[in-house]
């Protein structure tokens, strides 16, 4: 699910996490650059200032927050950024898991 705005986009991606733990998780090919929280869960932060490069070119820069909740990894990805702006920080802090 992608939400687009004038200054970038936000993507919410769910991935199966039954066979992995958070400490063994990588977003795309990136190693985590920091730890944080997403909702009530521990999260890894992945930063890609040059975007993801695959094939003929690279995508937009992004910051991704990844957390495991139940048997899934939740990835909240902010495209077009290397640091979160005030609005994105508010979105991140308001994120909640629904049972």
PDB file of N, CA and C in Angstrom:
ATOM      1  N   UNK A   1       0.850  -1.152   0.000  1.00  0.00           N
ATOM      2  CA  UNK A   1       0.000   0.000   0.000  1.00  0.00           C
ATOM      3  C   UNK A   1       0.906   1.227   0.000  1.00  0.00           C
ATOM      4  N   UNK A   2       0.778   2.087  -0.959  1.00  0.00           N
ATOM      5  CA  UNK A   2       1.622   3.271  -1.076  1.00  0.00           C
ATOM      6  C   UNK A   2       0.763   4.516  -0.945  1.00  0.00           C
ATOM      7  N   UNK A   3       1.243   5.450  -0.119  1.00  0.00           N
ATOM      8  CA  UNK A   3       0.602   6.754   0.026  1.00  0.00           C
ATOM      9  C   UNK A   3       1.566   7.786  -0.534  1.00  0.00           C
ATOM     10  N   UNK A   4       1.121   8.537  -1.544  1.00  0.00           N
ATOM     11  CA  UNK A   4       1.993   9.512  -2.185  1.00  0.00           C
ATOM     12  C   UNK A   4       1.574  10.927  -1.836  1.00  0.00           C
ATOM     13  N   UNK A   5       2.578  11.768  -1.648  1.00  0.00           N
ATOM     14  CA  UNK A   5       2.343  13.180  -1.381  1.00  0.00           C
ATOM     15  C   UNK A   5       3.268  14.025  -2.231  1.00  0.00           C
ATOM     16  N   UNK A   6       3.249  15.311  -2.016  1.00  0.00           N
ATOM     17  CA  UNK A   6       4.088  16.225  -2.793  1.00  0.00           C
ATOM     18  C   UNK A   6       5.579  16.037  -2.519  1.00  0.00           C
ATOM     19  N   UNK A   7       5.917  15.564  -1.331  1.00  0.00           N
ATOM     20  CA  UNK A   7       7.323  15.502  -0.932  1.00  0.00           C
ATOM     21  C   UNK A   7       7.840  14.085  -0.767  1.00  0.00           C
ATOM     22  N   UNK A   8       7.160  13.098  -1.319  1.00  0.00           N
ATOM     23  CA  UNK A   8       7.621  11.722  -1.207  1.00  0.00           C
ATOM     24  C   UNK A   8       6.447  10.779  -1.056  1.00  0.00           C
ATOM     25  N   UNK A   9       6.744   9.559  -0.690  1.00  0.00           N
ATOM     26  CA  UNK A   9       5.686   8.579  -0.509  1.00  0.00           C
ATOM     27  C   UNK A   9       6.016   7.691   0.682  1.00  0.00           C
ATOM     28  N   UNK A  10       4.984   7.049   1.189  1.00  0.00           N
ATOM     29  CA  UNK A  10       5.111   6.121   2.308  1.00  0.00           C
ATOM     30  C   UNK A  10       4.530   4.791   1.853  1.00  0.00           C
ATOM     31  N   UNK A  11       5.257   3.739   2.128  1.00  0.00           N
ATOM     32  CA  UNK A  11       4.830   2.402   1.734  1.00  0.00           C
ATOM     33  C   UNK A  11       4.768   1.532   2.985  1.00  0.00           C
ATOM     34  N   UNK A  12       3.709   0.748   3.110  1.00  0.00           N
ATOM     35  CA  UNK A  12       3.576  -0.218   4.199  1.00  0.00           C
ATOM     36  C   UNK A  12       3.658  -1.604   3.569  1.00  0.00           C
ATOM     37  N   UNK A  13       4.664  -2.374   3.969  1.00  0.00           N
ATOM     38  CA  UNK A  13       4.912  -3.684   3.375  1.00  0.00           C
ATOM     39  C   UNK A  13       4.923  -4.734   4.479  1.00  0.00           C
ATOM     40  N   UNK A  14       4.131  -5.783   4.308  1.00  0.00           N
ATOM     41  CA  UNK A  14       4.127  -6.911   5.238  1.00  0.00           C
ATOM     42  C   UNK A  14       4.846  -8.087   4.587  1.00  0.00           C
ATOM     43  N   UNK A  15       5.714  -8.741   5.370  1.00  0.00           N
ATOM     44  CA  UNK A  15       6.422  -9.923   4.885  1.00  0.00           C
ATOM     45  C   UNK A  15       6.299 -11.028   5.922  1.00  0.00           C
ATOM     46  N   UNK A  16       6.239 -12.246   5.441  1.00  0.00           N
ATOM     47  CA  UNK A  16       6.148 -13.406   6.320  1.00  0.00           C
ATOM     48  C   UNK A  16       7.389 -13.476   7.205  1.00  0.00           C
ATOM     49  N   UNK A  17       7.180 -13.649   8.492  1.00  0.00           N
ATOM     50  CA  UNK A  17       8.304 -13.699   9.416  1.00  0.00           C
ATOM     51  C   UNK A  17       8.328 -14.930  10.289  1.00  0.00           C
ATOM     52  N   UNK A  18       7.621 -15.966   9.898  1.00  0.00           N
ATOM     53  CA  UNK A  18       7.532 -17.169  10.733  1.00  0.00           C
ATOM     54  C   UNK A  18       8.885 -17.814  10.982  1.00  0.00           C
ATOM     55  N   UNK A  19       9.770 -17.778  10.014  1.00  0.00           N
ATOM     56  CA  UNK A  19      11.031 -18.512  10.132  1.00  0.00           C
ATOM     57  C   UNK A  19      12.232 -17.622  10.467  1.00  0.00           C
ATOM     58  N   UNK A  20      12.013 -16.333  10.757  1.00  0.00           N
ATOM     59  CA  UNK A  20      13.125 -15.427  11.053  1.00  0.00           C
ATOM     60  C   UNK A  20      12.846 -14.609  12.300  1.00  0.00           C
ATOM     61  N   UNK A  21      13.918 -14.169  12.933  1.00  0.00           N
ATOM     62  CA  UNK A  21      13.814 -13.253  14.059  1.00  0.00           C
ATOM     63  C   UNK A  21      14.267 -11.873  13.603  1.00  0.00           C
ATOM     64  N   UNK A  22      13.931 -10.862  14.377  1.00  0.00           N
ATOM     65  CA  UNK A  22      14.273  -9.484  13.995  1.00  0.00           C
ATOM     66  C   UNK A  22      15.778  -9.295  13.855  1.00  0.00           C
ATOM     67  N   UNK A  23      16.561  -9.917  14.718  1.00  0.00           N
ATOM     68  CA  UNK A  23      18.015  -9.731  14.648  1.00  0.00           C
ATOM     69  C   UNK A  23      18.644 -10.349  13.401  1.00  0.00           C
ATOM     70  N   UNK A  24      17.902 -11.166  12.667  1.00  0.00           N
ATOM     71  CA  UNK A  24      18.393 -11.772  11.415  1.00  0.00           C
ATOM     72  C   UNK A  24      17.712 -11.163  10.183  1.00  0.00           C
ATOM     73  N   UNK A  25      16.978 -10.098  10.378  1.00  0.00           N
ATOM     74  CA  UNK A  25      16.184  -9.517   9.289  1.00  0.00           C
ATOM     75  C   UNK A  25      16.957  -8.413   8.567  1.00  0.00           C
ATOM     76  N   UNK A  26      16.831  -8.386   7.248  1.00  0.00           N
ATOM     77  CA  UNK A  26      17.409  -7.332   6.407  1.00  0.00           C
ATOM     78  C   UNK A  26      16.305  -6.797   5.517  1.00  0.00           C
ATOM     79  N   UNK A  27      16.287  -5.488   5.317  1.00  0.00           N
ATOM     80  CA  UNK A  27      15.327  -4.905   4.378  1.00  0.00           C
ATOM     81  C   UNK A  27      16.040  -4.736   3.050  1.00  0.00           C
ATOM     82  N   UNK A  28      15.520  -5.402   2.029  1.00  0.00           N
ATOM     83  CA  UNK A  28      16.192  -5.505   0.730  1.00  0.00           C
ATOM     84  C   UNK A  28      17.594  -6.043   1.005  1.00  0.00           C
ATOM     85  N   UNK A  29      18.637  -5.376   0.576  1.00  0.00           N
ATOM     86  CA  UNK A  29      19.999  -5.856   0.833  1.00  0.00           C
ATOM     87  C   UNK A  29      20.721  -5.012   1.867  1.00  0.00           C
ATOM     88  N   UNK A  30      19.995  -4.216   2.632  1.00  0.00           N
ATOM     89  CA  UNK A  30      20.611  -3.252   3.539  1.00  0.00           C
ATOM     90  C   UNK A  30      20.731  -3.792   4.957  1.00  0.00           C
ATOM     91  N   UNK A  31      21.845  -3.468   5.591  1.00  0.00           N
ATOM     92  CA  UNK A  31      22.035  -3.751   7.002  1.00  0.00           C
ATOM     93  C   UNK A  31      21.376  -2.636   7.810  1.00  0.00           C
ATOM     94  N   UNK A  32      20.896  -2.923   9.003  1.00  0.00           N
ATOM     95  CA  UNK A  32      20.289  -1.856   9.801  1.00  0.00           C
ATOM     96  C   UNK A  32      21.329  -0.818  10.218  1.00  0.00           C
ATOM     97  N   UNK A  33      20.899   0.437  10.281  1.00  0.00           N
ATOM     98  CA  UNK A  33      21.797   1.517  10.689  1.00  0.00           C
ATOM     99  C   UNK A  33      21.506   1.984  12.109  1.00  0.00           C
ATOM    100  N   UNK A  34      20.361   1.572  12.662  1.00  0.00           N
ATOM    101  CA  UNK A  34      19.987   1.968  14.023  1.00  0.00           C
ATOM    102  C   UNK A  34      18.859   1.073  14.500  1.00  0.00           C
ATOM    103  N   UNK A  35      18.509   1.224  15.770  1.00  0.00           N
ATOM    104  CA  UNK A  35      17.344   0.551  16.322  1.00  0.00           C
ATOM    105  C   UNK A  35      16.368   1.610  16.823  1.00  0.00           C
ATOM    106  N   UNK A  36      15.114   1.230  16.889  1.00  0.00           N
ATOM    107  CA  UNK A  36      14.069   2.152  17.324  1.00  0.00           C
ATOM    108  C   UNK A  36      12.873   1.315  17.762  1.00  0.00           C
ATOM    109  N   UNK A  37      11.685   1.901  17.683  1.00  0.00           N
ATOM    110  CA  UNK A  37      10.444   1.160  17.916  1.00  0.00           C
ATOM    111  C   UNK A  37       9.457   1.487  16.804  1.00  0.00           C
ATOM    112  N   UNK A  38       8.564   0.566  16.575  1.00  0.00           N
ATOM    113  CA  UNK A  38       7.449   0.765  15.650  1.00  0.00           C
ATOM    114  C   UNK A  38       6.232   0.235  16.385  1.00  0.00           C
ATOM    115  N   UNK A  39       5.298   1.112  16.677  1.00  0.00           N
ATOM    116  CA  UNK A  39       4.194   0.725  17.544  1.00  0.00           C
ATOM    117  C   UNK A  39       4.761   0.402  18.909  1.00  0.00           C
ATOM    118  N   UNK A  40       4.512  -0.790  19.368  1.00  0.00           N
ATOM    119  CA  UNK A  40       5.026  -1.234  20.669  1.00  0.00           C
ATOM    120  C   UNK A  40       6.188  -2.211  20.535  1.00  0.00           C
ATOM    121  N   UNK A  41       6.642  -2.435  19.322  1.00  0.00           N
ATOM    122  CA  UNK A  41       7.673  -3.448  19.064  1.00  0.00           C
ATOM    123  C   UNK A  41       9.041  -2.822  18.808  1.00  0.00           C
ATOM    124  N   UNK A  42      10.097  -3.578  19.132  1.00  0.00           N
ATOM    125  CA  UNK A  42      11.445  -3.169  18.751  1.00  0.00           C
ATOM    126  C   UNK A  42      11.521  -3.144  17.229  1.00  0.00           C
ATOM    127  N   UNK A  43      12.299  -2.218  16.709  1.00  0.00           N
ATOM    128  CA  UNK A  43      12.398  -2.082  15.251  1.00  0.00           C
ATOM    129  C   UNK A  43      13.840  -1.834  14.826  1.00  0.00           C
ATOM    130  N   UNK A  44      14.119  -2.194  13.591  1.00  0.00           N
ATOM    131  CA  UNK A  44      15.386  -1.873  12.946  1.00  0.00           C
ATOM    132  C   UNK A  44      15.139  -0.736  11.972  1.00  0.00           C
ATOM    133  N   UNK A  45      16.126   0.148  11.849  1.00  0.00           N
ATOM    134  CA  UNK A  45      16.036   1.282  10.927  1.00  0.00           C
ATOM    135  C   UNK A  45      17.044   1.051   9.801  1.00  0.00           C
ATOM    136  N   UNK A  46      16.562   1.136   8.578  1.00  0.00           N
ATOM    137  CA  UNK A  46      17.404   0.964   7.399  1.00  0.00           C
ATOM    138  C   UNK A  46      17.402   2.268   6.613  1.00  0.00           C
ATOM    139  N   UNK A  47      18.591   2.780   6.287  1.00  0.00           N
ATOM    140  CA  UNK A  47      18.686   4.018   5.511  1.00  0.00           C
ATOM    141  C   UNK A  47      19.400   3.738   4.200  1.00  0.00           C
ATOM    142  N   UNK A  48      18.822   4.258   3.130  1.00  0.00           N
ATOM    143  CA  UNK A  48      19.404   4.086   1.798  1.00  0.00           C
ATOM    144  C   UNK A  48      19.443   5.448   1.106  1.00  0.00           C
ATOM    145  N   UNK A  49      20.472   6.254   1.380  1.00  0.00           N
ATOM    146  CA  UNK A  49      20.543   7.597   0.794  1.00  0.00           C
ATOM    147  C   UNK A  49      20.632   7.603  -0.732  1.00  0.00           C
ATOM    148  N   UNK A  50      21.106   6.499  -1.310  1.00  0.00           N
ATOM    149  CA  UNK A  50      21.196   6.408  -2.773  1.00  0.00           C
ATOM    150  C   UNK A  50      20.101   5.525  -3.349  1.00  0.00           C
ATOM    151  N   UNK A  51      19.178   5.065  -2.509  1.00  0.00           N
ATOM    152  CA  UNK A  51      18.103   4.203  -2.970  1.00  0.00           C
ATOM    153  C   UNK A  51      18.576   2.776  -3.142  1.00  0.00           C
ATOM    154  N   UNK A  52      17.683   1.953  -3.641  1.00  0.00           N
ATOM    155  CA  UNK A  52      18.002   0.552  -3.930  1.00  0.00           C
ATOM    156  C   UNK A  52      18.371   0.439  -5.396  1.00  0.00           C
ATOM    157  N   UNK A  53      19.544  -0.098  -5.656  1.00  0.00           N
ATOM    158  CA  UNK A  53      20.040  -0.205  -7.034  1.00  0.00           C
ATOM    159  C   UNK A  53      19.926  -1.652  -7.508  1.00  0.00           C
ATOM    160  N   UNK A  54      19.139  -1.831  -8.550  1.00  0.00           N
ATOM    161  CA  UNK A  54      18.937  -3.158  -9.111  1.00  0.00           C
ATOM    162  C   UNK A  54      18.676  -2.973 -10.597  1.00  0.00           C
ATOM    163  N   UNK A  55      19.515  -3.558 -11.407  1.00  0.00           N
ATOM    164  CA  UNK A  55      19.324  -3.423 -12.845  1.00  0.00           C
ATOM    165  C   UNK A  55      19.939  -2.140 -13.381  1.00  0.00           C
ATOM    166  N   UNK A  56      19.208  -1.445 -14.251  1.00  0.00           N
ATOM    167  CA  UNK A  56      19.799  -0.301 -14.932  1.00  0.00           C
ATOM    168  C   UNK A  56      19.926   0.964 -14.090  1.00  0.00           C
ATOM    169  N   UNK A  57      19.275   1.034 -12.945  1.00  0.00           N
ATOM    170  CA  UNK A  57      19.349   2.275 -12.182  1.00  0.00           C
ATOM    171  C   UNK A  57      18.999   2.068 -10.731  1.00  0.00           C
ATOM    172  N   UNK A  58      18.887   3.190 -10.033  1.00  0.00           N
ATOM    173  CA  UNK A  58      18.575   3.166  -8.611  1.00  0.00           C
ATOM    174  C   UNK A  58      17.238   3.857  -8.361  1.00  0.00           C
ATOM    175  N   UNK A  59      16.563   3.421  -7.301  1.00  0.00           N
ATOM    176  CA  UNK A  59      15.307   4.044  -6.909  1.00  0.00           C
ATOM    177  C   UNK A  59      15.548   5.260  -6.030  1.00  0.00           C
ATOM    178  N   UNK A  60      14.473   5.773  -5.469  1.00  0.00           N
ATOM    179  CA  UNK A  60      14.555   6.922  -4.570  1.00  0.00           C
ATOM    180  C   UNK A  60      15.224   6.530  -3.262  1.00  0.00           C
ATOM    181  N   UNK A  61      15.823   7.525  -2.618  1.00  0.00           N
ATOM    182  CA  UNK A  61      16.356   7.297  -1.277  1.00  0.00           C
ATOM    183  C   UNK A  61      15.199   6.920  -0.363  1.00  0.00           C
ATOM    184  N   UNK A  62      15.510   6.243   0.749  1.00  0.00           N
ATOM    185  CA  UNK A  62      14.447   5.896   1.681  1.00  0.00           C
ATOM    186  C   UNK A  62      14.994   5.653   3.078  1.00  0.00           C
ATOM    187  N   UNK A  63      14.079   5.726   4.037  1.00  0.00           N
ATOM    188  CA  UNK A  63      14.309   5.305   5.415  1.00  0.00           C
ATOM    189  C   UNK A  63      13.209   4.291   5.720  1.00  0.00           C
ATOM    190  N   UNK A  64      13.579   3.091   6.179  1.00  0.00           N
ATOM    191  CA  UNK A  64      12.605   2.045   6.474  1.00  0.00           C
ATOM    192  C   UNK A  64      12.702   1.637   7.936  1.00  0.00           C
ATOM    193  N   UNK A  65      11.551   1.489   8.555  1.00  0.00           N
ATOM    194  CA  UNK A  65      11.444   0.965   9.919  1.00  0.00           C
ATOM    195  C   UNK A  65      10.809  -0.414   9.812  1.00  0.00           C
ATOM    196  N   UNK A  66      11.463  -1.418  10.385  1.00  0.00           N
ATOM    197  CA  UNK A  66      10.979  -2.799  10.298  1.00  0.00           C
ATOM    198  C   UNK A  66      10.844  -3.390  11.688  1.00  0.00           C
ATOM    199  N   UNK A  67       9.669  -3.966  11.958  1.00  0.00           N
ATOM    200  CA  UNK A  67       9.412  -4.603  13.244  1.00  0.00           C
ATOM    201  C   UNK A  67       8.683  -5.918  13.015  1.00  0.00           C
ATOM    202  N   UNK A  68       8.905  -6.854  13.920  1.00  0.00           N
ATOM    203  CA  UNK A  68       8.181  -8.123  13.847  1.00  0.00           C
ATOM    204  C   UNK A  68       7.040  -8.068  14.851  1.00  0.00           C
ATOM    205  N   UNK A  69       5.849  -8.383  14.359  1.00  0.00           N
ATOM    206  CA  UNK A  69       4.657  -8.445  15.207  1.00  0.00           C
ATOM    207  C   UNK A  69       3.931  -9.736  14.854  1.00  0.00           C
ATOM    208  N   UNK A  70       3.738 -10.585  15.866  1.00  0.00           N
ATOM    209  CA  UNK A  70       3.197 -11.925  15.648  1.00  0.00           C
ATOM    210  C   UNK A  70       4.088 -12.657  14.648  1.00  0.00           C
ATOM    211  N   UNK A  71       3.577 -13.124  13.532  1.00  0.00           N
ATOM    212  CA  UNK A  71       4.392 -13.879  12.573  1.00  0.00           C
ATOM    213  C   UNK A  71       4.732 -13.083  11.319  1.00  0.00           C
ATOM    214  N   UNK A  72       4.633 -11.763  11.383  1.00  0.00           N
ATOM    215  CA  UNK A  72       4.907 -10.934  10.204  1.00  0.00           C
ATOM    216  C   UNK A  72       5.902  -9.824  10.521  1.00  0.00           C
ATOM    217  N   UNK A  73       6.632  -9.431   9.479  1.00  0.00           N
ATOM    218  CA  UNK A  73       7.462  -8.238   9.560  1.00  0.00           C
ATOM    219  C   UNK A  73       6.677  -7.087   8.940  1.00  0.00           C
ATOM    220  N   UNK A  74       6.595  -6.009   9.651  1.00  0.00           N
ATOM    221  CA  UNK A  74       5.948  -4.786   9.180  1.00  0.00           C
ATOM    222  C   UNK A  74       7.046  -3.811   8.810  1.00  0.00           C
ATOM    223  N   UNK A  75       6.995  -3.319   7.583  1.00  0.00           N
ATOM    224  CA  UNK A  75       7.987  -2.371   7.086  1.00  0.00           C
ATOM    225  C   UNK A  75       7.272  -1.079   6.721  1.00  0.00           C
ATOM    226  N   UNK A  76       7.632  -0.014   7.390  1.00  0.00           N
ATOM    227  CA  UNK A  76       7.098   1.311   7.097  1.00  0.00           C
ATOM    228  C   UNK A  76       8.217   2.073   6.414  1.00  0.00           C
ATOM    229  N   UNK A  77       8.051   2.357   5.111  1.00  0.00           N
ATOM    230  CA  UNK A  77       9.131   2.904   4.288  1.00  0.00           C
ATOM    231  C   UNK A  77       8.775   4.324   3.842  1.00  0.00           C
ATOM    232  N   UNK A  78       9.670   5.251   4.138  1.00  0.00           N
ATOM    233  CA  UNK A  78       9.506   6.651   3.752  1.00  0.00           C
ATOM    234  C   UNK A  78      10.451   6.925   2.585  1.00  0.00           C
ATOM    235  N   UNK A  79       9.900   7.071   1.376  1.00  0.00           N
ATOM    236  CA  UNK A  79      10.708   7.291   0.172  1.00  0.00           C
ATOM    237  C   UNK A  79      10.985   8.773  -0.040  1.00  0.00           C
ATOM    238  N   UNK A  80      12.129   9.042  -0.639  1.00  0.00           N
ATOM    239  CA  UNK A  80      12.504  10.409  -0.961  1.00  0.00           C
ATOM    240  C   UNK A  80      13.225  11.108   0.175  1.00  0.00           C
ATOM    241  N   UNK A  81      13.612  10.364   1.198  1.00  0.00           N
ATOM    242  CA  UNK A  81      14.230  10.969   2.379  1.00  0.00           C
ATOM    243  C   UNK A  81      15.480  10.210   2.812  1.00  0.00           C
ATOM    244  N   UNK A  82      16.318  10.931   3.542  1.00  0.00           N
ATOM    245  CA  UNK A  82      17.427  10.308   4.253  1.00  0.00           C
ATOM    246  C   UNK A  82      17.247  10.502   5.756  1.00  0.00           C
ATOM    247  N   UNK A  83      16.413  11.440   6.142  1.00  0.00           N
ATOM    248  CA  UNK A  83      16.004  11.685   7.528  1.00  0.00           C
ATOM    249  C   UNK A  83      14.512  11.986   7.511  1.00  0.00           C
ATOM    250  N   UNK A  84      13.807  11.620   8.574  1.00  0.00           N
ATOM    251  CA  UNK A  84      12.364  11.865   8.618  1.00  0.00           C
ATOM    252  C   UNK A  84      12.072  13.322   8.954  1.00  0.00           C
ATOM    253  N   UNK A  85      11.107  13.888   8.235  1.00  0.00           N
ATOM    254  CA  UNK A  85      10.679  15.249   8.561  1.00  0.00           C
ATOM    255  C   UNK A  85       9.638  15.195   9.678  1.00  0.00           C
ATOM    256  N   UNK A  86       9.142  16.328  10.087  1.00  0.00           N
ATOM    257  CA  UNK A  86       8.224  16.417  11.220  1.00  0.00           C
ATOM    258  C   UNK A  86       6.925  15.636  10.986  1.00  0.00           C
ATOM    259  N   UNK A  87       6.381  15.717   9.787  1.00  0.00           N
ATOM    260  CA  UNK A  87       5.152  14.995   9.472  1.00  0.00           C
ATOM    261  C   UNK A  87       5.396  13.491   9.501  1.00  0.00           C
ATOM    262  N   UNK A  88       6.505  13.048   8.924  1.00  0.00           N
ATOM    263  CA  UNK A  88       6.824  11.619   8.912  1.00  0.00           C
ATOM    264  C   UNK A  88       7.080  11.101  10.334  1.00  0.00           C
ATOM    265  N   UNK A  89       7.719  11.903  11.164  1.00  0.00           N
ATOM    266  CA  UNK A  89       7.927  11.510  12.557  1.00  0.00           C
ATOM    267  C   UNK A  89       6.592  11.353  13.278  1.00  0.00           C
ATOM    268  N   UNK A  90       5.639  12.235  12.981  1.00  0.00           N
ATOM    269  CA  UNK A  90       4.306  12.123  13.588  1.00  0.00           C
ATOM    270  C   UNK A  90       3.601  10.855  13.119  1.00  0.00           C
ATOM    271  N   UNK A  91       3.725  10.521  11.837  1.00  0.00           N
ATOM    272  CA  UNK A  91       3.136   9.290  11.312  1.00  0.00           C
ATOM    273  C   UNK A  91       3.767   8.090  12.007  1.00  0.00           C
ATOM    274  N   UNK A  92       5.081   8.081  12.115  1.00  0.00           N
ATOM    275  CA  UNK A  92       5.783   6.984  12.757  1.00  0.00           C
ATOM    276  C   UNK A  92       5.351   6.834  14.213  1.00  0.00           C
ATOM    277  N   UNK A  93       5.265   7.925  14.946  1.00  0.00           N
ATOM    278  CA  UNK A  93       4.913   7.846  16.362  1.00  0.00           C
ATOM    279  C   UNK A  93       3.445   7.459  16.582  1.00  0.00           C
ATOM    280  N   UNK A  94       2.608   7.640  15.572  1.00  0.00           N
ATOM    281  CA  UNK A  94       1.193   7.285  15.717  1.00  0.00           C
ATOM    282  C   UNK A  94       0.882   5.862  15.249  1.00  0.00           C
ATOM    283  N   UNK A  95       1.865   5.151  14.706  1.00  0.00           N
ATOM    284  CA  UNK A  95       1.660   3.800  14.187  1.00  0.00           C
ATOM    285  C   UNK A  95       1.273   2.863  15.332  1.00  0.00           C
ATOM    286  N   UNK A  96       0.244   2.060  15.122  1.00  0.00           N
ATOM    287  CA  UNK A  96      -0.201   1.095  16.121  1.00  0.00           C
ATOM    288  C   UNK A  96      -0.549  -0.229  15.432  1.00  0.00           C
ATOM    289  N   UNK A  97      -0.249  -1.324  16.124  1.00  0.00           N
ATOM    290  CA  UNK A  97      -0.630  -2.641  15.640  1.00  0.00           C
ATOM    291  C   UNK A  97      -2.055  -2.920  16.102  1.00  0.00           C
ATOM    292  N   UNK A  98      -2.850  -3.488  15.228  1.00  0.00           N
ATOM    293  CA  UNK A  98      -4.227  -3.859  15.550  1.00  0.00           C
ATOM    294  C   UNK A  98      -4.290  -5.382  15.601  1.00  0.00           C
ATOM    295  N   UNK A  99      -4.821  -5.898  16.652  1.00  0.00           N
ATOM    296  CA  UNK A  99      -4.894  -7.354  16.827  1.00  0.00           C
ATOM    297  C   UNK A  99      -6.000  -7.956  15.998  1.00  0.00           C
TER     298      UNK A  99
END
